[in-house]
Amino acid sequence: MPPSPYLQVTTTGDDREALERLAQLLVAERLAACVQLTGPVQSHYFWEGRTESAVEWQLQAKTREDLQATVFELIATHHSYQVPQLVAVRLEHVSTAYGNWIDESLKRPD
């Protein structure tokens, strides 16, 4: 069986409203079929030589592999972080109906 073309792209941010706008943009631009925002989550990380901690929200976008670079670029362009988390994980097991829905949702109108 060939690998699934579907991905889940994840980023985090400390401004829920900014991530809401980013989610709406991803869907409006037909780069994501669905975007979910969860949180708050407590993040611990190493930044500029120090251990840091922050309350963040997590954005998860369902998309396809052929759109990954564009999704990453859009997120990076509109994100407030200097180095935003940009992670894509292949969705290995996707039902046919859900995969078809993703494909239909990502079609741009003529």
N, C-alpha and C. Protein backbone atom coordinates (compact mmCIF):
# COMPACT_ATOMS: atom_id res chain seq x y z
N MET A 1 0.85 -1.18 0.00
CA MET A 1 0.00 0.00 0.00
C MET A 1 0.89 1.24 0.00
N PRO A 2 0.62 2.20 -0.89
CA PRO A 2 1.43 3.42 -0.93
C PRO A 2 1.20 4.26 0.33
N PRO A 3 2.18 5.09 0.68
CA PRO A 3 2.00 5.94 1.86
C PRO A 3 0.84 6.91 1.66
N SER A 4 0.20 7.25 2.75
CA SER A 4 -0.90 8.20 2.73
C SER A 4 -0.38 9.57 2.31
N PRO A 5 -1.14 10.31 1.50
CA PRO A 5 -0.71 11.67 1.13
C PRO A 5 -1.14 12.72 2.16
N TYR A 6 -1.80 12.28 3.24
CA TYR A 6 -2.37 13.22 4.19
C TYR A 6 -1.44 13.48 5.37
N LEU A 7 -1.43 14.75 5.81
CA LEU A 7 -0.56 15.17 6.90
C LEU A 7 -1.36 15.93 7.94
N GLN A 8 -0.81 15.94 9.14
CA GLN A 8 -1.27 16.85 10.18
C GLN A 8 -0.11 17.78 10.50
N VAL A 9 -0.31 19.05 10.26
CA VAL A 9 0.71 20.07 10.54
C VAL A 9 0.36 20.71 11.87
N THR A 10 1.36 20.82 12.73
CA THR A 10 1.16 21.37 14.07
C THR A 10 2.06 22.58 14.29
N THR A 11 1.49 23.58 14.94
CA THR A 11 2.26 24.72 15.44
C THR A 11 1.66 25.11 16.79
N THR A 12 2.37 25.94 17.51
CA THR A 12 1.88 26.45 18.79
C THR A 12 2.07 27.97 18.82
N GLY A 13 1.34 28.62 19.70
CA GLY A 13 1.49 30.06 19.87
C GLY A 13 0.86 30.50 21.16
N ASP A 14 1.26 31.69 21.62
CA ASP A 14 0.76 32.18 22.91
C ASP A 14 -0.42 33.14 22.77
N ASP A 15 -0.90 33.35 21.55
CA ASP A 15 -2.01 34.27 21.30
C ASP A 15 -3.14 33.51 20.60
N ARG A 16 -4.16 33.13 21.37
CA ARG A 16 -5.25 32.32 20.81
C ARG A 16 -5.93 33.01 19.63
N GLU A 17 -6.19 34.29 19.74
CA GLU A 17 -6.88 35.01 18.67
C GLU A 17 -6.05 35.01 17.38
N ALA A 18 -4.74 35.16 17.50
CA ALA A 18 -3.87 35.12 16.31
C ALA A 18 -3.90 33.74 15.67
N LEU A 19 -3.93 32.70 16.49
CA LEU A 19 -4.01 31.34 15.94
C LEU A 19 -5.38 31.08 15.32
N GLU A 20 -6.45 31.67 15.88
CA GLU A 20 -7.78 31.56 15.27
C GLU A 20 -7.77 32.18 13.87
N ARG A 21 -7.14 33.34 13.74
CA ARG A 21 -7.06 34.00 12.43
C ARG A 21 -6.24 33.14 11.47
N LEU A 22 -5.17 32.55 11.96
CA LEU A 22 -4.33 31.68 11.13
C LEU A 22 -5.13 30.45 10.68
N ALA A 23 -5.91 29.87 11.58
CA ALA A 23 -6.75 28.71 11.23
C ALA A 23 -7.74 29.09 10.13
N GLN A 24 -8.39 30.24 10.29
CA GLN A 24 -9.36 30.68 9.28
C GLN A 24 -8.69 30.93 7.93
N LEU A 25 -7.48 31.47 7.95
CA LEU A 25 -6.75 31.73 6.71
C LEU A 25 -6.37 30.42 6.01
N LEU A 26 -5.90 29.45 6.77
CA LEU A 26 -5.53 28.15 6.20
C LEU A 26 -6.71 27.49 5.50
N VAL A 27 -7.88 27.56 6.13
CA VAL A 27 -9.07 26.95 5.53
C VAL A 27 -9.55 27.79 4.34
N ALA A 28 -9.59 29.11 4.48
CA ALA A 28 -10.05 29.98 3.40
C ALA A 28 -9.18 29.85 2.15
N GLU A 29 -7.88 29.66 2.35
CA GLU A 29 -6.95 29.52 1.23
C GLU A 29 -6.92 28.09 0.67
N ARG A 30 -7.74 27.22 1.24
CA ARG A 30 -7.83 25.81 0.82
C ARG A 30 -6.50 25.08 0.99
N LEU A 31 -5.77 25.45 2.04
CA LEU A 31 -4.52 24.77 2.38
C LEU A 31 -4.73 23.73 3.46
N ALA A 32 -5.84 23.82 4.17
CA ALA A 32 -6.18 22.85 5.21
C ALA A 32 -7.67 22.56 5.11
N ALA A 33 -8.02 21.30 5.23
CA ALA A 33 -9.43 20.91 5.20
C ALA A 33 -10.09 21.19 6.54
N CYS A 34 -9.29 21.09 7.59
CA CYS A 34 -9.80 21.24 8.95
C CYS A 34 -8.64 21.72 9.81
N VAL A 35 -8.93 22.66 10.70
CA VAL A 35 -7.92 23.12 11.65
C VAL A 35 -8.54 23.09 13.03
N GLN A 36 -7.83 22.47 13.95
CA GLN A 36 -8.29 22.38 15.33
C GLN A 36 -7.34 23.14 16.22
N LEU A 37 -7.92 23.85 17.18
CA LEU A 37 -7.15 24.62 18.15
C LEU A 37 -7.45 24.05 19.53
N THR A 38 -6.42 23.63 20.22
CA THR A 38 -6.58 23.07 21.56
C THR A 38 -5.69 23.82 22.54
N GLY A 39 -6.07 23.71 23.79
CA GLY A 39 -5.26 24.32 24.81
C GLY A 39 -6.13 24.95 25.88
N PRO A 40 -5.51 25.61 26.77
CA PRO A 40 -4.09 25.91 26.78
C PRO A 40 -3.24 24.70 27.18
N VAL A 41 -2.00 24.73 26.74
CA VAL A 41 -1.00 23.73 27.12
C VAL A 41 0.18 24.46 27.74
N GLN A 42 0.84 23.81 28.65
CA GLN A 42 2.03 24.38 29.29
C GLN A 42 3.25 23.85 28.54
N SER A 43 4.03 24.75 27.96
CA SER A 43 5.22 24.37 27.21
C SER A 43 6.48 24.74 27.98
N HIS A 44 7.46 23.86 27.92
CA HIS A 44 8.78 24.09 28.51
C HIS A 44 9.79 23.88 27.39
N TYR A 45 10.72 24.81 27.24
CA TYR A 45 11.64 24.75 26.10
C TYR A 45 12.91 25.53 26.41
N PHE A 46 13.90 25.30 25.56
CA PHE A 46 15.19 25.98 25.67
C PHE A 46 15.23 27.06 24.60
N TRP A 47 15.46 28.32 25.00
CA TRP A 47 15.48 29.43 24.05
C TRP A 47 16.50 30.46 24.47
N GLU A 48 17.39 30.79 23.54
CA GLU A 48 18.42 31.80 23.74
C GLU A 48 19.21 31.58 25.02
N GLY A 49 19.62 30.32 25.22
CA GLY A 49 20.51 29.99 26.33
C GLY A 49 19.84 29.75 27.66
N ARG A 50 18.50 29.80 27.68
CA ARG A 50 17.80 29.63 28.96
C ARG A 50 16.63 28.67 28.81
N THR A 51 16.27 28.06 29.92
CA THR A 51 15.05 27.26 29.97
C THR A 51 13.88 28.20 30.18
N GLU A 52 12.85 28.06 29.36
CA GLU A 52 11.68 28.93 29.41
C GLU A 52 10.42 28.09 29.62
N SER A 53 9.35 28.76 29.96
CA SER A 53 8.05 28.12 30.13
C SER A 53 6.99 29.12 29.67
N ALA A 54 5.95 28.61 29.00
CA ALA A 54 4.88 29.48 28.53
C ALA A 54 3.58 28.71 28.40
N VAL A 55 2.49 29.43 28.53
CA VAL A 55 1.17 28.88 28.25
C VAL A 55 0.92 29.13 26.77
N GLU A 56 0.60 28.07 26.03
CA GLU A 56 0.40 28.18 24.60
C GLU A 56 -0.88 27.45 24.18
N TRP A 57 -1.25 27.67 22.93
CA TRP A 57 -2.34 26.97 22.26
C TRP A 57 -1.71 26.15 21.14
N GLN A 58 -2.34 25.05 20.80
CA GLN A 58 -1.82 24.18 19.75
C GLN A 58 -2.78 24.17 18.57
N LEU A 59 -2.24 24.41 17.39
CA LEU A 59 -3.01 24.40 16.15
C LEU A 59 -2.62 23.15 15.37
N GLN A 60 -3.62 22.39 14.91
CA GLN A 60 -3.38 21.19 14.11
C GLN A 60 -4.21 21.29 12.84
N ALA A 61 -3.53 21.27 11.70
CA ALA A 61 -4.18 21.42 10.40
C ALA A 61 -4.07 20.12 9.61
N LYS A 62 -5.20 19.68 9.05
CA LYS A 62 -5.21 18.49 8.19
C LYS A 62 -5.04 18.95 6.76
N THR A 63 -4.03 18.40 6.07
CA THR A 63 -3.71 18.82 4.72
C THR A 63 -3.13 17.64 3.95
N ARG A 64 -2.56 17.93 2.78
CA ARG A 64 -1.89 16.91 1.97
C ARG A 64 -0.42 17.23 1.83
N GLU A 65 0.35 16.21 1.56
CA GLU A 65 1.80 16.34 1.43
C GLU A 65 2.19 17.36 0.36
N ASP A 66 1.47 17.43 -0.74
CA ASP A 66 1.82 18.36 -1.81
C ASP A 66 1.63 19.83 -1.41
N LEU A 67 0.93 20.08 -0.31
CA LEU A 67 0.70 21.44 0.17
C LEU A 67 1.57 21.81 1.38
N GLN A 68 2.38 20.88 1.85
CA GLN A 68 3.14 21.09 3.08
C GLN A 68 4.01 22.35 3.03
N ALA A 69 4.78 22.54 1.99
CA ALA A 69 5.69 23.69 1.93
C ALA A 69 4.90 25.00 1.97
N THR A 70 3.77 25.05 1.29
CA THR A 70 2.95 26.25 1.27
C THR A 70 2.32 26.50 2.63
N VAL A 71 1.88 25.44 3.29
CA VAL A 71 1.31 25.57 4.64
C VAL A 71 2.38 26.09 5.60
N PHE A 72 3.58 25.50 5.55
CA PHE A 72 4.68 25.97 6.41
C PHE A 72 4.97 27.45 6.14
N GLU A 73 5.02 27.83 4.87
CA GLU A 73 5.33 29.22 4.51
C GLU A 73 4.27 30.18 5.03
N LEU A 74 3.00 29.82 4.87
CA LEU A 74 1.92 30.68 5.36
C LEU A 74 1.99 30.84 6.87
N ILE A 75 2.18 29.73 7.57
CA ILE A 75 2.27 29.81 9.04
C ILE A 75 3.45 30.68 9.46
N ALA A 76 4.62 30.44 8.87
CA ALA A 76 5.82 31.21 9.23
C ALA A 76 5.63 32.70 8.95
N THR A 77 4.97 33.03 7.86
CA THR A 77 4.74 34.43 7.48
C THR A 77 3.83 35.15 8.46
N HIS A 78 2.82 34.44 8.96
CA HIS A 78 1.80 35.08 9.81
C HIS A 78 1.99 34.81 11.30
N HIS A 79 3.03 34.09 11.66
CA HIS A 79 3.25 33.72 13.06
C HIS A 79 4.05 34.80 13.78
N SER A 80 3.76 34.98 15.06
CA SER A 80 4.46 36.00 15.84
C SER A 80 5.82 35.52 16.35
N TYR A 81 6.05 34.21 16.37
CA TYR A 81 7.31 33.68 16.88
C TYR A 81 8.42 33.81 15.83
N GLN A 82 9.62 34.05 16.31
CA GLN A 82 10.79 34.09 15.44
C GLN A 82 11.05 32.73 14.83
N VAL A 83 10.88 31.67 15.63
CA VAL A 83 11.05 30.29 15.15
C VAL A 83 9.82 29.49 15.58
N PRO A 84 8.75 29.55 14.79
CA PRO A 84 7.55 28.79 15.18
C PRO A 84 7.75 27.30 15.00
N GLN A 85 7.06 26.54 15.81
CA GLN A 85 7.04 25.09 15.64
C GLN A 85 6.34 24.80 14.32
N LEU A 86 7.00 24.10 13.43
CA LEU A 86 6.42 23.66 12.17
C LEU A 86 6.73 22.18 12.03
N VAL A 87 5.75 21.35 12.34
CA VAL A 87 5.93 19.90 12.34
C VAL A 87 4.81 19.28 11.51
N ALA A 88 5.18 18.39 10.60
CA ALA A 88 4.18 17.65 9.83
C ALA A 88 4.34 16.17 10.12
N VAL A 89 3.23 15.53 10.42
CA VAL A 89 3.21 14.09 10.69
C VAL A 89 2.26 13.45 9.67
N ARG A 90 2.75 12.42 9.02
CA ARG A 90 1.91 11.71 8.06
C ARG A 90 0.79 10.98 8.79
N LEU A 91 -0.42 11.10 8.26
CA LEU A 91 -1.57 10.38 8.79
C LEU A 91 -1.62 9.04 8.07
N GLU A 92 -1.10 8.02 8.72
CA GLU A 92 -0.93 6.71 8.09
C GLU A 92 -2.23 5.99 7.76
N HIS A 93 -3.18 6.08 8.65
CA HIS A 93 -4.42 5.32 8.48
C HIS A 93 -5.59 6.30 8.43
N VAL A 94 -6.06 6.56 7.22
CA VAL A 94 -7.14 7.51 6.99
C VAL A 94 -8.25 6.78 6.25
N SER A 95 -9.46 6.89 6.74
CA SER A 95 -10.58 6.23 6.06
C SER A 95 -10.74 6.83 4.66
N THR A 96 -11.25 6.03 3.77
CA THR A 96 -11.48 6.49 2.40
C THR A 96 -12.39 7.71 2.38
N ALA A 97 -13.46 7.67 3.16
CA ALA A 97 -14.41 8.78 3.18
C ALA A 97 -13.74 10.06 3.69
N TYR A 98 -12.92 9.97 4.75
CA TYR A 98 -12.26 11.15 5.29
C TYR A 98 -11.22 11.68 4.30
N GLY A 99 -10.47 10.78 3.67
CA GLY A 99 -9.50 11.20 2.66
C GLY A 99 -10.17 11.90 1.49
N ASN A 100 -11.29 11.38 1.04
CA ASN A 100 -12.04 12.02 -0.04
C ASN A 100 -12.52 13.40 0.38
N TRP A 101 -12.97 13.53 1.64
CA TRP A 101 -13.42 14.82 2.14
C TRP A 101 -12.26 15.83 2.18
N ILE A 102 -11.09 15.39 2.63
CA ILE A 102 -9.92 16.27 2.62
C ILE A 102 -9.64 16.74 1.20
N ASP A 103 -9.60 15.79 0.25
CA ASP A 103 -9.32 16.16 -1.14
C ASP A 103 -10.33 17.16 -1.68
N GLU A 104 -11.60 16.94 -1.43
CA GLU A 104 -12.65 17.86 -1.90
C GLU A 104 -12.52 19.23 -1.24
N SER A 105 -12.19 19.23 0.04
CA SER A 105 -12.07 20.49 0.79
C SER A 105 -10.89 21.35 0.32
N LEU A 106 -9.87 20.70 -0.23
CA LEU A 106 -8.66 21.41 -0.65
C LEU A 106 -8.71 21.86 -2.11
N LYS A 107 -9.78 21.53 -2.82
CA LYS A 107 -9.91 21.96 -4.21
C LYS A 107 -10.23 23.44 -4.25
N ARG A 108 -9.51 24.13 -5.09
CA ARG A 108 -9.77 25.57 -5.26
C ARG A 108 -10.89 25.75 -6.27
N PRO A 109 -11.80 26.69 -5.99
CA PRO A 109 -12.87 26.95 -6.96
C PRO A 109 -12.30 27.46 -8.27
N ASP A 110 -12.96 27.12 -9.35
CA ASP A 110 -12.50 27.56 -10.68
C ASP A 110 -12.76 29.02 -10.93
